[in-house]
Amino acid sequence: MKNILIIIDVQKGFTKIPQTQKTSEDIKELLEKRYFDYIFATKFYNDHNSIYKKTMNWEKLITKQETDLVDGI
């Protein structure tokens, strides 16, 4: 049986508070232990035509600096 890790939206723009920073560190520790045969990571992308921008005027996670995965992931 293969071990799979799925990392969802652990991006610099989402990891600005202590709780999400802790989660990022926990994920990095798991990666260092090399438990997983496969690792998949998703990234959330916002853009100027998105429903988030149109309905909530939310302009985060548009730039590369915000959408990049956290260093080490």
Protein backbone atom coordinates (compact mmCIF):
# COMPACT_ATOMS: atom_id res chain seq x y z
CA MET A 1 0.00 0.00 0.00
CA LYS A 2 1.31 3.44 -0.96
CA ASN A 3 1.32 6.41 1.41
CA ILE A 4 0.05 9.67 -0.05
CA LEU A 5 0.17 13.18 1.38
CA ILE A 6 -2.16 15.81 -0.07
CA ILE A 7 -1.25 19.37 0.85
CA ILE A 8 -4.03 21.86 0.21
CA ASP A 9 -3.40 25.57 -0.21
CA VAL A 10 -0.36 25.92 2.06
CA GLN A 11 0.62 29.16 0.41
CA LYS A 12 2.43 32.19 1.70
CA GLY A 13 -0.74 34.30 1.48
CA PHE A 14 -2.64 31.89 3.75
CA THR A 15 0.08 31.40 6.35
CA LYS A 16 0.28 34.75 8.06
CA ILE A 17 -1.21 33.85 11.44
CA PRO A 18 0.32 31.63 14.15
CA GLN A 19 -2.12 28.73 13.63
CA THR A 20 -1.38 28.38 9.94
CA GLN A 21 2.33 28.91 10.47
CA LYS A 22 2.30 26.00 12.95
CA THR A 23 0.49 23.82 10.41
CA SER A 24 3.13 24.69 7.80
CA GLU A 25 5.90 23.67 10.19
CA ASP A 26 4.11 20.39 10.96
CA ILE A 27 3.84 19.60 7.26
CA LYS A 28 7.53 20.35 6.73
CA GLU A 29 8.40 17.94 9.55
CA LEU A 30 6.30 15.22 7.92
CA LEU A 31 8.05 15.82 4.61
CA GLU A 32 11.48 15.56 6.23
CA LYS A 33 10.58 12.11 7.60
CA ARG A 34 9.94 10.86 4.07
CA TYR A 35 6.90 8.76 5.02
CA PHE A 36 5.13 9.31 1.73
CA ASP A 37 5.47 7.64 -1.62
CA TYR A 38 3.53 10.40 -3.36
CA ILE A 39 3.00 14.03 -2.44
CA PHE A 40 0.45 16.27 -4.11
CA ALA A 41 0.01 19.98 -3.43
CA THR A 42 -2.78 22.27 -4.56
CA LYS A 43 -2.67 26.03 -4.88
CA PHE A 44 -5.55 28.48 -4.70
CA TYR A 45 -5.49 31.21 -7.32
CA ASN A 46 -7.56 34.35 -7.14
CA ASP A 47 -7.75 36.77 -10.05
CA HIS A 48 -9.41 40.03 -10.92
CA ASN A 49 -12.34 38.21 -12.57
CA SER A 50 -12.97 35.76 -9.73
CA ILE A 51 -16.16 35.52 -7.73
CA TYR A 52 -14.13 36.44 -4.64
CA LYS A 53 -13.03 39.71 -6.22
CA LYS A 54 -16.44 40.48 -7.74
CA THR A 55 -18.66 39.72 -4.76
CA MET A 56 -16.39 40.40 -1.76
CA ASN A 57 -13.78 42.69 -3.33
CA TRP A 58 -11.18 40.24 -1.95
CA GLU A 59 -7.84 40.92 -3.61
CA LYS A 60 -5.59 38.46 -1.79
CA LEU A 61 -3.80 35.52 -3.38
CA ILE A 62 -3.45 37.20 -6.73
CA THR A 63 0.29 37.88 -6.72
CA LYS A 64 3.03 35.29 -7.04
CA GLN A 65 4.34 36.26 -3.59
CA GLU A 66 1.01 35.20 -2.07
CA THR A 67 0.31 32.14 -4.23
CA ASP A 68 3.75 30.54 -3.87
CA LEU A 69 3.84 27.51 -1.62
CA VAL A 70 5.46 28.06 1.75
CA ASP A 71 9.23 27.55 1.57
CA GLY A 72 10.16 23.93 2.18
CA ILE A 73 6.88 22.52 0.88
